Amino acid sequence: VQTAAADQFTAAVLPVVQSIRNSGATSLEAITVALNQRGIRSAR
């Protein structure tokens, strides 16, 4: 169940990450900042 939940969370957030990358933010730090600025919460 935990693995399935992690996979579902990844599938849900990945399009948002891809959108961030398309805007030019490609480094881990830049993606992290963009996710927090958008109010997207982590798996925890």
ModelCIF file with pLDDT and N, C-alpha, C, O atoms, coordinates in Angstrom:
data_MODEL
#
_entry.id   MODEL 
#
_entity.id                         1 
_entity.type                       polymer 
_entity.pdbx_number_of_molecules   1 
#
_entity_poly.entity_id                      1 
_entity_poly.type                           'polypeptide(L)' 
_entity_poly.nstd_linkage                   no 
_entity_poly.nstd_monomer                   no 
_entity_poly.pdbx_seq_one_letter_code       VQTAAADQFTAAVLPVVQSIRNSGATSLEAITVALNQRGIRSAR 
_entity_poly.pdbx_seq_one_letter_code_can   VQTAAADQFTAAVLPVVQSIRNSGATSLEAITVALNQRGIRSAR 
_entity_poly.pdbx_strand_id                 A 
#
loop_
_entity_poly_seq.entity_id 
_entity_poly_seq.num 
_entity_poly_seq.mon_id 
_entity_poly_seq.hetero 
1 1  VAL n 
1 2  GLN n 
1 3  THR n 
1 4  ALA n 
1 5  ALA n 
1 6  ALA n 
1 7  ASP n 
1 8  GLN n 
1 9  PHE n 
1 10 THR n 
1 11 ALA n 
1 12 ALA n 
1 13 VAL n 
1 14 LEU n 
1 15 PRO n 
1 16 VAL n 
1 17 VAL n 
1 18 GLN n 
1 19 SER n 
1 20 ILE n 
1 21 ARG n 
1 22 ASN n 
1 23 SER n 
1 24 GLY n 
1 25 ALA n 
1 26 THR n 
1 27 SER n 
1 28 LEU n 
1 29 GLU n 
1 30 ALA n 
1 31 ILE n 
1 32 THR n 
1 33 VAL n 
1 34 ALA n 
1 35 LEU n 
1 36 ASN n 
1 37 GLN n 
1 38 ARG n 
1 39 GLY n 
1 40 ILE n 
1 41 ARG n 
1 42 SER n 
1 43 ALA n 
1 44 ARG n 
#
_struct_asym.id          A 
_struct_asym.entity_id   1 
#
loop_
_ma_qa_metric.id 
_ma_qa_metric.mode 
_ma_qa_metric.name 
_ma_qa_metric.software_group_id 
_ma_qa_metric.type 
1 global pLDDT . pLDDT 
2 local  pLDDT . pLDDT 
#
_ma_qa_metric_global.metric_id      1 
_ma_qa_metric_global.metric_value   83.07 
_ma_qa_metric_global.model_id       1 
_ma_qa_metric_global.ordinal_id     1 
#
loop_
_ma_qa_metric_local.label_asym_id 
_ma_qa_metric_local.label_comp_id 
_ma_qa_metric_local.label_seq_id 
_ma_qa_metric_local.metric_id 
_ma_qa_metric_local.metric_value 
_ma_qa_metric_local.model_id 
_ma_qa_metric_local.ordinal_id 
A VAL 1  2 61.00 1 1  
A GLN 2  2 68.00 1 2  
A THR 3  2 73.00 1 3  
A ALA 4  2 71.00 1 4  
A ALA 5  2 70.00 1 5  
A ALA 6  2 76.00 1 6  
A ASP 7  2 77.00 1 7  
A GLN 8  2 75.00 1 8  
A PHE 9  2 80.00 1 9  
A THR 10 2 82.00 1 10 
A ALA 11 2 81.00 1 11 
A ALA 12 2 80.00 1 12 
A VAL 13 2 84.00 1 13 
A LEU 14 2 84.00 1 14 
A PRO 15 2 85.00 1 15 
A VAL 16 2 86.00 1 16 
A VAL 17 2 88.00 1 17 
A GLN 18 2 87.00 1 18 
A SER 19 2 86.00 1 19 
A ILE 20 2 89.00 1 20 
A ARG 21 2 90.00 1 21 
A ASN 22 2 90.00 1 22 
A SER 23 2 89.00 1 23 
A GLY 24 2 91.00 1 24 
A ALA 25 2 88.00 1 25 
A THR 26 2 89.00 1 26 
A SER 27 2 92.00 1 27 
A LEU 28 2 92.00 1 28 
A GLU 29 2 92.00 1 29 
A ALA 30 2 92.00 1 30 
A ILE 31 2 93.00 1 31 
A THR 32 2 92.00 1 32 
A VAL 33 2 91.00 1 33 
A ALA 34 2 89.00 1 34 
A LEU 35 2 89.00 1 35 
A ASN 36 2 85.00 1 36 
A GLN 37 2 84.00 1 37 
A ARG 38 2 79.00 1 38 
A GLY 39 2 75.00 1 39 
A ILE 40 2 80.00 1 40 
A ARG 41 2 78.00 1 41 
A SER 42 2 81.00 1 42 
A ALA 43 2 77.00 1 43 
A ARG 44 2 74.00 1 44 
#
loop_
_atom_site.group_PDB 
_atom_site.id 
_atom_site.type_symbol 
_atom_site.label_atom_id 
_atom_site.label_alt_id 
_atom_site.label_comp_id 
_atom_site.label_asym_id 
_atom_site.label_entity_id 
_atom_site.label_seq_id 
_atom_site.pdbx_PDB_ins_code 
_atom_site.Cartn_x 
_atom_site.Cartn_y 
_atom_site.Cartn_z 
_atom_site.occupancy 
_atom_site.B_iso_or_equiv 
_atom_site.pdbx_formal_charge 
_atom_site.auth_seq_id 
_atom_site.auth_comp_id 
_atom_site.auth_asym_id 
_atom_site.auth_atom_id 
_atom_site.pdbx_PDB_model_num 
ATOM 1   N N  . VAL A 1 1  ? 0.838  -1.205 0.000   1.00 61.00 ? 1  VAL A N  1 
ATOM 2   C CA . VAL A 1 1  ? 0.000  0.000  0.000   1.00 61.00 ? 1  VAL A CA 1 
ATOM 3   C C  . VAL A 1 1  ? 0.870  1.250  0.000   1.00 61.00 ? 1  VAL A C  1 
ATOM 4   O O  . VAL A 1 1  ? 0.576  2.209  -0.714  1.00 61.00 ? 1  VAL A O  1 
ATOM 5   N N  . GLN A 1 2  ? 1.938  1.250  0.794   1.00 68.00 ? 2  GLN A N  1 
ATOM 6   C CA . GLN A 1 2  ? 2.830  2.408  0.846   1.00 68.00 ? 2  GLN A CA 1 
ATOM 7   C C  . GLN A 1 2  ? 3.489  2.648  -0.502  1.00 68.00 ? 2  GLN A C  1 
ATOM 8   O O  . GLN A 1 2  ? 3.608  3.787  -0.953  1.00 68.00 ? 2  GLN A O  1 
ATOM 9   N N  . THR A 1 3  ? 3.920  1.556  -1.146  1.00 73.00 ? 3  THR A N  1 
ATOM 10  C CA . THR A 1 3  ? 4.546  1.695  -2.465  1.00 73.00 ? 3  THR A CA 1 
ATOM 11  C C  . THR A 1 3  ? 3.554  2.252  -3.481  1.00 73.00 ? 3  THR A C  1 
ATOM 12  O O  . THR A 1 3  ? 3.893  3.124  -4.281  1.00 73.00 ? 3  THR A O  1 
ATOM 13  N N  . ALA A 1 4  ? 2.328  1.741  -3.440  1.00 71.00 ? 4  ALA A N  1 
ATOM 14  C CA . ALA A 1 4  ? 1.304  2.230  -4.369  1.00 71.00 ? 4  ALA A CA 1 
ATOM 15  C C  . ALA A 1 4  ? 1.007  3.706  -4.124  1.00 71.00 ? 4  ALA A C  1 
ATOM 16  O O  . ALA A 1 4  ? 0.834  4.479  -5.066  1.00 71.00 ? 4  ALA A O  1 
ATOM 17  N N  . ALA A 1 5  ? 0.949  4.089  -2.845  1.00 70.00 ? 5  ALA A N  1 
ATOM 18  C CA . ALA A 1 5  ? 0.683  5.496  -2.522  1.00 70.00 ? 5  ALA A CA 1 
ATOM 19  C C  . ALA A 1 5  ? 1.813  6.387  -3.011  1.00 70.00 ? 5  ALA A C  1 
ATOM 20  O O  . ALA A 1 5  ? 1.571  7.481  -3.521  1.00 70.00 ? 5  ALA A O  1 
ATOM 21  N N  . ALA A 1 6  ? 3.058  5.916  -2.855  1.00 76.00 ? 6  ALA A N  1 
ATOM 22  C CA . ALA A 1 6  ? 4.200  6.697  -3.330  1.00 76.00 ? 6  ALA A CA 1 
ATOM 23  C C  . ALA A 1 6  ? 4.174  6.841  -4.844  1.00 76.00 ? 6  ALA A C  1 
ATOM 24  O O  . ALA A 1 6  ? 4.477  7.906  -5.381  1.00 76.00 ? 6  ALA A O  1 
ATOM 25  N N  . ASP A 1 7  ? 3.808  5.753  -5.532  1.00 77.00 ? 7  ASP A N  1 
ATOM 26  C CA . ASP A 1 7  ? 3.718  5.812  -6.993  1.00 77.00 ? 7  ASP A CA 1 
ATOM 27  C C  . ASP A 1 7  ? 2.619  6.767  -7.431  1.00 77.00 ? 7  ASP A C  1 
ATOM 28  O O  . ASP A 1 7  ? 2.792  7.510  -8.397  1.00 77.00 ? 7  ASP A O  1 
ATOM 29  N N  . GLN A 1 8  ? 1.487  6.754  -6.730  1.00 75.00 ? 8  GLN A N  1 
ATOM 30  C CA . GLN A 1 8  ? 0.380  7.644  -7.071  1.00 75.00 ? 8  GLN A CA 1 
ATOM 31  C C  . GLN A 1 8  ? 0.772  9.101  -6.829  1.00 75.00 ? 8  GLN A C  1 
ATOM 32  O O  . GLN A 1 8  ? 0.438  9.981  -7.623  1.00 75.00 ? 8  GLN A O  1 
ATOM 33  N N  . PHE A 1 9  ? 1.483  9.350  -5.726  1.00 80.00 ? 9  PHE A N  1 
ATOM 34  C CA . PHE A 1 9  ? 1.908  10.717 -5.439  1.00 80.00 ? 9  PHE A CA 1 
ATOM 35  C C  . PHE A 1 9  ? 2.873  11.207 -6.523  1.00 80.00 ? 9  PHE A C  1 
ATOM 36  O O  . PHE A 1 9  ? 2.776  12.343 -6.985  1.00 80.00 ? 9  PHE A O  1 
ATOM 37  N N  . THR A 1 10 ? 3.801  10.336 -6.919  1.00 82.00 ? 10 THR A N  1 
ATOM 38  C CA . THR A 1 10 ? 4.750  10.701 -7.972  1.00 82.00 ? 10 THR A CA 1 
ATOM 39  C C  . THR A 1 10 ? 4.021  11.031 -9.265  1.00 82.00 ? 10 THR A C  1 
ATOM 40  O O  . THR A 1 10 ? 4.337  12.019 -9.928  1.00 82.00 ? 10 THR A O  1 
ATOM 41  N N  . ALA A 1 11 ? 3.036  10.197 -9.626  1.00 81.00 ? 11 ALA A N  1 
ATOM 42  C CA . ALA A 1 11 ? 2.275  10.436 -10.859 1.00 81.00 ? 11 ALA A CA 1 
ATOM 43  C C  . ALA A 1 11 ? 1.489  11.731 -10.788 1.00 81.00 ? 11 ALA A C  1 
ATOM 44  O O  . ALA A 1 11 ? 1.283  12.388 -11.809 1.00 81.00 ? 11 ALA A O  1 
ATOM 45  N N  . ALA A 1 12 ? 1.043  12.112 -9.583  1.00 80.00 ? 12 ALA A N  1 
ATOM 46  C CA . ALA A 1 12 ? 0.262  13.340 -9.430  1.00 80.00 ? 12 ALA A CA 1 
ATOM 47  C C  . ALA A 1 12 ? 1.131  14.578 -9.543  1.00 80.00 ? 12 ALA A C  1 
ATOM 48  O O  . ALA A 1 12 ? 0.719  15.575 -10.135 1.00 80.00 ? 12 ALA A O  1 
ATOM 49  N N  . VAL A 1 13 ? 2.334  14.524 -8.977  1.00 84.00 ? 13 VAL A N  1 
ATOM 50  C CA . VAL A 1 13 ? 3.196  15.712 -8.915  1.00 84.00 ? 13 VAL A CA 1 
ATOM 51  C C  . VAL A 1 13 ? 4.042  15.866 -10.172 1.00 84.00 ? 13 VAL A C  1 
ATOM 52  O O  . VAL A 1 13 ? 4.417  16.980 -10.537 1.00 84.00 ? 13 VAL A O  1 
ATOM 53  N N  . LEU A 1 14 ? 4.343  14.755 -10.835 1.00 84.00 ? 14 LEU A N  1 
ATOM 54  C CA . LEU A 1 14 ? 5.255  14.807 -11.974 1.00 84.00 ? 14 LEU A CA 1 
ATOM 55  C C  . LEU A 1 14 ? 4.847  15.806 -13.060 1.00 84.00 ? 14 LEU A C  1 
ATOM 56  O O  . LEU A 1 14 ? 5.715  16.514 -13.571 1.00 84.00 ? 14 LEU A O  1 
ATOM 57  N N  . PRO A 1 15 ? 3.553  15.899 -13.441 1.00 85.00 ? 15 PRO A N  1 
ATOM 58  C CA . PRO A 1 15 ? 3.191  16.909 -14.449 1.00 85.00 ? 15 PRO A CA 1 
ATOM 59  C C  . PRO A 1 15 ? 3.488  18.329 -13.994 1.00 85.00 ? 15 PRO A C  1 
ATOM 60  O O  . PRO A 1 15 ? 3.814  19.183 -14.819 1.00 85.00 ? 15 PRO A O  1 
ATOM 61  N N  . VAL A 1 16 ? 3.379  18.598 -12.692 1.00 86.00 ? 16 VAL A N  1 
ATOM 62  C CA . VAL A 1 16 ? 3.705  19.916 -12.176 1.00 86.00 ? 16 VAL A CA 1 
ATOM 63  C C  . VAL A 1 16 ? 5.198  20.167 -12.303 1.00 86.00 ? 16 VAL A C  1 
ATOM 64  O O  . VAL A 1 16 ? 5.619  21.255 -12.697 1.00 86.00 ? 16 VAL A O  1 
ATOM 65  N N  . VAL A 1 17 ? 6.008  19.152 -11.968 1.00 88.00 ? 17 VAL A N  1 
ATOM 66  C CA . VAL A 1 17 ? 7.466  19.277 -12.091 1.00 88.00 ? 17 VAL A CA 1 
ATOM 67  C C  . VAL A 1 17 ? 7.854  19.499 -13.548 1.00 88.00 ? 17 VAL A C  1 
ATOM 68  O O  . VAL A 1 17 ? 8.736  20.304 -13.849 1.00 88.00 ? 17 VAL A O  1 
ATOM 69  N N  . GLN A 1 18 ? 7.188  18.776 -14.452 1.00 87.00 ? 18 GLN A N  1 
ATOM 70  C CA . GLN A 1 18 ? 7.485  18.944 -15.872 1.00 87.00 ? 18 GLN A CA 1 
ATOM 71  C C  . GLN A 1 18 ? 7.147  20.355 -16.341 1.00 87.00 ? 18 GLN A C  1 
ATOM 72  O O  . GLN A 1 18 ? 7.869  20.941 -17.147 1.00 87.00 ? 18 GLN A O  1 
ATOM 73  N N  . SER A 1 19 ? 6.052  20.889 -15.831 1.00 86.00 ? 19 SER A N  1 
ATOM 74  C CA . SER A 1 19 ? 5.681  22.259 -16.173 1.00 86.00 ? 19 SER A CA 1 
ATOM 75  C C  . SER A 1 19 ? 6.731  23.247 -15.675 1.00 86.00 ? 19 SER A C  1 
ATOM 76  O O  . SER A 1 19 ? 7.061  24.215 -16.360 1.00 86.00 ? 19 SER A O  1 
ATOM 77  N N  . ILE A 1 20 ? 7.250  22.992 -14.477 1.00 89.00 ? 20 ILE A N  1 
ATOM 78  C CA . ILE A 1 20 ? 8.299  23.850 -13.924 1.00 89.00 ? 20 ILE A CA 1 
ATOM 79  C C  . ILE A 1 20 ? 9.562  23.769 -14.780 1.00 89.00 ? 20 ILE A C  1 
ATOM 80  O O  . ILE A 1 20 ? 10.199 24.783 -15.065 1.00 89.00 ? 20 ILE A O  1 
ATOM 81  N N  . ARG A 1 21 ? 9.909  22.561 -15.180 1.00 90.00 ? 21 ARG A N  1 
ATOM 82  C CA . ARG A 1 21 ? 11.089 22.384 -16.036 1.00 90.00 ? 21 ARG A CA 1 
ATOM 83  C C  . ARG A 1 21 ? 10.919 23.111 -17.363 1.00 90.00 ? 21 ARG A C  1 
ATOM 84  O O  . ARG A 1 21 ? 11.852 23.742 -17.861 1.00 90.00 ? 21 ARG A O  1 
ATOM 85  N N  . ASN A 1 22 ? 9.724  23.017 -17.925 1.00 90.00 ? 22 ASN A N  1 
ATOM 86  C CA . ASN A 1 22 ? 9.477  23.688 -19.205 1.00 90.00 ? 22 ASN A CA 1 
ATOM 87  C C  . ASN A 1 22 ? 9.611  25.195 -19.107 1.00 90.00 ? 22 ASN A C  1 
ATOM 88  O O  . ASN A 1 22 ? 9.893  25.868 -20.098 1.00 90.00 ? 22 ASN A O  1 
ATOM 89  N N  . SER A 1 23 ? 9.406  25.725 -17.904 1.00 89.00 ? 23 SER A N  1 
ATOM 90  C CA . SER A 1 23 ? 9.540  27.176 -17.718 1.00 89.00 ? 23 SER A CA 1 
ATOM 91  C C  . SER A 1 23 ? 10.991 27.606 -17.560 1.00 89.00 ? 23 SER A C  1 
ATOM 92  O O  . SER A 1 23 ? 11.279 28.799 -17.464 1.00 89.00 ? 23 SER A O  1 
ATOM 93  N N  . GLY A 1 24 ? 11.919 26.626 -17.531 1.00 91.00 ? 24 GLY A N  1 
ATOM 94  C CA . GLY A 1 24 ? 13.345 26.964 -17.462 1.00 91.00 ? 24 GLY A CA 1 
ATOM 95  C C  . GLY A 1 24 ? 14.030 26.604 -16.166 1.00 91.00 ? 24 GLY A C  1 
ATOM 96  O O  . GLY A 1 24 ? 15.252 26.713 -16.064 1.00 91.00 ? 24 GLY A O  1 
ATOM 97  N N  . ALA A 1 25 ? 13.264 26.174 -15.159 1.00 88.00 ? 25 ALA A N  1 
ATOM 98  C CA . ALA A 1 25 ? 13.849 25.793 -13.868 1.00 88.00 ? 25 ALA A CA 1 
ATOM 99  C C  . ALA A 1 25 ? 14.163 24.300 -13.924 1.00 88.00 ? 25 ALA A C  1 
ATOM 100 O O  . ALA A 1 25 ? 13.260 23.475 -13.777 1.00 88.00 ? 25 ALA A O  1 
ATOM 101 N N  . THR A 1 26 ? 15.434 23.941 -14.136 1.00 89.00 ? 26 THR A N  1 
ATOM 102 C CA . THR A 1 26 ? 15.789 22.540 -14.354 1.00 89.00 ? 26 THR A CA 1 
ATOM 103 C C  . THR A 1 26 ? 16.618 21.932 -13.229 1.00 89.00 ? 26 THR A C  1 
ATOM 104 O O  . THR A 1 26 ? 16.665 20.708 -13.104 1.00 89.00 ? 26 THR A O  1 
ATOM 105 N N  . SER A 1 27 ? 17.267 22.742 -12.417 1.00 92.00 ? 27 SER A N  1 
ATOM 106 C CA . SER A 1 27 ? 18.070 22.183 -11.331 1.00 92.00 ? 27 SER A CA 1 
ATOM 107 C C  . SER A 1 27 ? 17.168 21.740 -10.181 1.00 92.00 ? 27 SER A C  1 
ATOM 108 O O  . SER A 1 27 ? 16.026 22.184 -10.066 1.00 92.00 ? 27 SER A O  1 
ATOM 109 N N  . LEU A 1 28 ? 17.701 20.854 -9.329  1.00 92.00 ? 28 LEU A N  1 
ATOM 110 C CA . LEU A 1 28 ? 16.929 20.389 -8.188  1.00 92.00 ? 28 LEU A CA 1 
ATOM 111 C C  . LEU A 1 28 ? 16.533 21.545 -7.281  1.00 92.00 ? 28 LEU A C  1 
ATOM 112 O O  . LEU A 1 28 ? 15.412 21.596 -6.776  1.00 92.00 ? 28 LEU A O  1 
ATOM 113 N N  . GLU A 1 29 ? 17.466 22.474 -7.079  1.00 92.00 ? 29 GLU A N  1 
ATOM 114 C CA . GLU A 1 29 ? 17.189 23.618 -6.202  1.00 92.00 ? 29 GLU A CA 1 
ATOM 115 C C  . GLU A 1 29 ? 16.091 24.498 -6.792  1.00 92.00 ? 29 GLU A C  1 
ATOM 116 O O  . GLU A 1 29 ? 15.201 24.953 -6.074  1.00 92.00 ? 29 GLU A O  1 
ATOM 117 N N  . ALA A 1 30 ? 16.155 24.735 -8.101  1.00 92.00 ? 30 ALA A N  1 
ATOM 118 C CA . ALA A 1 30 ? 15.159 25.597 -8.746  1.00 92.00 ? 30 ALA A CA 1 
ATOM 119 C C  . ALA A 1 30 ? 13.774 24.944 -8.716  1.00 92.00 ? 30 ALA A C  1 
ATOM 120 O O  . ALA A 1 30 ? 12.768 25.615 -8.484  1.00 92.00 ? 30 ALA A O  1 
ATOM 121 N N  . ILE A 1 31 ? 13.733 23.631 -8.953  1.00 93.00 ? 31 ILE A N  1 
ATOM 122 C CA . ILE A 1 31 ? 12.454 22.922 -8.909  1.00 93.00 ? 31 ILE A CA 1 
ATOM 123 C C  . ILE A 1 31 ? 11.883 22.950 -7.496  1.00 93.00 ? 31 ILE A C  1 
ATOM 124 O O  . ILE A 1 31 ? 10.681 23.132 -7.307  1.00 93.00 ? 31 ILE A O  1 
ATOM 125 N N  . THR A 1 32 ? 12.760 22.766 -6.500  1.00 92.00 ? 32 THR A N  1 
ATOM 126 C CA . THR A 1 32 ? 12.333 22.802 -5.097  1.00 92.00 ? 32 THR A CA 1 
ATOM 127 C C  . THR A 1 32 ? 11.700 24.144 -4.748  1.00 92.00 ? 32 THR A C  1 
ATOM 128 O O  . THR A 1 32 ? 10.633 24.198 -4.136  1.00 92.00 ? 32 THR A O  1 
ATOM 129 N N  . VAL A 1 33 ? 12.363 25.222 -5.141  1.00 91.00 ? 33 VAL A N  1 
ATOM 130 C CA . VAL A 1 33 ? 11.844 26.568 -4.863  1.00 91.00 ? 33 VAL A CA 1 
ATOM 131 C C  . VAL A 1 33 ? 10.492 26.772 -5.541  1.00 91.00 ? 33 VAL A C  1 
ATOM 132 O O  . VAL A 1 33 ? 9.567  27.318 -4.941  1.00 91.00 ? 33 VAL A O  1 
ATOM 133 N N  . ALA A 1 34 ? 10.382 26.329 -6.793  1.00 89.00 ? 34 ALA A N  1 
ATOM 134 C CA . ALA A 1 34 ? 9.136  26.518 -7.542  1.00 89.00 ? 34 ALA A CA 1 
ATOM 135 C C  . ALA A 1 34 ? 7.987  25.734 -6.921  1.00 89.00 ? 34 ALA A C  1 
ATOM 136 O O  . ALA A 1 34 ? 6.869  26.241 -6.834  1.00 89.00 ? 34 ALA A O  1 
ATOM 137 N N  . LEU A 1 35 ? 8.246  24.511 -6.491  1.00 89.00 ? 35 LEU A N  1 
ATOM 138 C CA . LEU A 1 35 ? 7.195  23.710 -5.854  1.00 89.00 ? 35 LEU A CA 1 
ATOM 139 C C  . LEU A 1 35 ? 6.700  24.375 -4.573  1.00 89.00 ? 35 LEU A C  1 
ATOM 140 O O  . LEU A 1 35 ? 5.496  24.429 -4.322  1.00 89.00 ? 35 LEU A O  1 
ATOM 141 N N  . ASN A 1 36 ? 7.625  24.878 -3.769  1.00 85.00 ? 36 ASN A N  1 
ATOM 142 C CA . ASN A 1 36 ? 7.240  25.548 -2.524  1.00 85.00 ? 36 ASN A CA 1 
ATOM 143 C C  . ASN A 1 36 ? 6.502  26.852 -2.801  1.00 85.00 ? 36 ASN A C  1 
ATOM 144 O O  . ASN A 1 36 ? 5.559  27.191 -2.086  1.00 85.00 ? 36 ASN A O  1 
ATOM 145 N N  . GLN A 1 37 ? 6.919  27.588 -3.833  1.00 84.00 ? 37 GLN A N  1 
ATOM 146 C CA . GLN A 1 37 ? 6.244  28.839 -4.178  1.00 84.00 ? 37 GLN A CA 1 
ATOM 147 C C  . GLN A 1 37 ? 4.825  28.588 -4.663  1.00 84.00 ? 37 GLN A C  1 
ATOM 148 O O  . GLN A 1 37 ? 3.937  29.413 -4.443  1.00 84.00 ? 37 GLN A O  1 
ATOM 149 N N  . ARG A 1 38 ? 4.607  27.463 -5.318  1.00 79.00 ? 38 ARG A N  1 
ATOM 150 C CA . ARG A 1 38 ? 3.275  27.129 -5.819  1.00 79.00 ? 38 ARG A CA 1 
ATOM 151 C C  . ARG A 1 38 ? 2.377  26.540 -4.728  1.00 79.00 ? 38 ARG A C  1 
ATOM 152 O O  . ARG A 1 38 ? 1.186  26.318 -4.949  1.00 79.00 ? 38 ARG A O  1 
ATOM 153 N N  . GLY A 1 39 ? 2.949  26.292 -3.564  1.00 75.00 ? 39 GLY A N  1 
ATOM 154 C CA . GLY A 1 39 ? 2.146  25.747 -2.475  1.00 75.00 ? 39 GLY A CA 1 
ATOM 155 C C  . GLY A 1 39 ? 1.907  24.254 -2.572  1.00 75.00 ? 39 GLY A C  1 
ATOM 156 O O  . GLY A 1 39 ? 1.047  23.714 -1.876  1.00 75.00 ? 39 GLY A O  1 
ATOM 157 N N  . ILE A 1 40 ? 2.667  23.577 -3.435  1.00 80.00 ? 40 ILE A N  1 
ATOM 158 C CA . ILE A 1 40 ? 2.537  22.127 -3.556  1.00 80.00 ? 40 ILE A CA 1 
ATOM 159 C C  . ILE A 1 40 ? 3.198  21.474 -2.345  1.00 80.00 ? 40 ILE A C  1 
ATOM 160 O O  . ILE A 1 40 ? 4.337  21.801 -2.011  1.00 80.00 ? 40 ILE A O  1 
ATOM 161 N N  . ARG A 1 41 ? 2.506  20.570 -1.697  1.00 78.00 ? 41 ARG A N  1 
ATOM 162 C CA . ARG A 1 41 ? 3.047  19.913 -0.518  1.00 78.00 ? 41 ARG A CA 1 
ATOM 163 C C  . ARG A 1 41 ? 3.791  18.637 -0.887  1.00 78.00 ? 41 ARG A C  1 
ATOM 164 O O  . ARG A 1 41 ? 3.468  17.969 -1.869  1.00 78.00 ? 41 ARG A O  1 
ATOM 165 N N  . SER A 1 42 ? 4.790  18.318 -0.081  1.00 81.00 ? 42 SER A N  1 
ATOM 166 C CA . SER A 1 42 ? 5.545  17.088 -0.293  1.00 81.00 ? 42 SER A CA 1 
ATOM 167 C C  . SER A 1 42 ? 4.704  15.885 0.121   1.00 81.00 ? 42 SER A C  1 
ATOM 168 O O  . SER A 1 42 ? 3.584  16.040 0.607   1.00 81.00 ? 42 SER A O  1 
ATOM 169 N N  . ALA A 1 43 ? 5.247  14.691 -0.071  1.00 77.00 ? 43 ALA A N  1 
ATOM 170 C CA . ALA A 1 43 ? 4.520  13.475 0.288   1.00 77.00 ? 43 ALA A CA 1 
ATOM 171 C C  . ALA A 1 43 ? 4.217  13.420 1.781   1.00 77.00 ? 43 ALA A C  1 
ATOM 172 O O  . ALA A 1 43 ? 3.239  12.797 2.192   1.00 77.00 ? 43 ALA A O  1 
ATOM 173 N N  . ARG A 1 44 ? 5.049  14.068 2.595   1.00 74.00 ? 44 ARG A N  1 
ATOM 174 C CA . ARG A 1 44 ? 4.836  14.103 4.037   1.00 74.00 ? 44 ARG A CA 1 
ATOM 175 C C  . ARG A 1 44 ? 3.955  15.275 4.466   1.00 74.00 ? 44 ARG A C  1 
ATOM 176 O O  . ARG A 1 44 ? 3.684  15.440 5.655   1.00 74.00 ? 44 ARG A O  1 
#
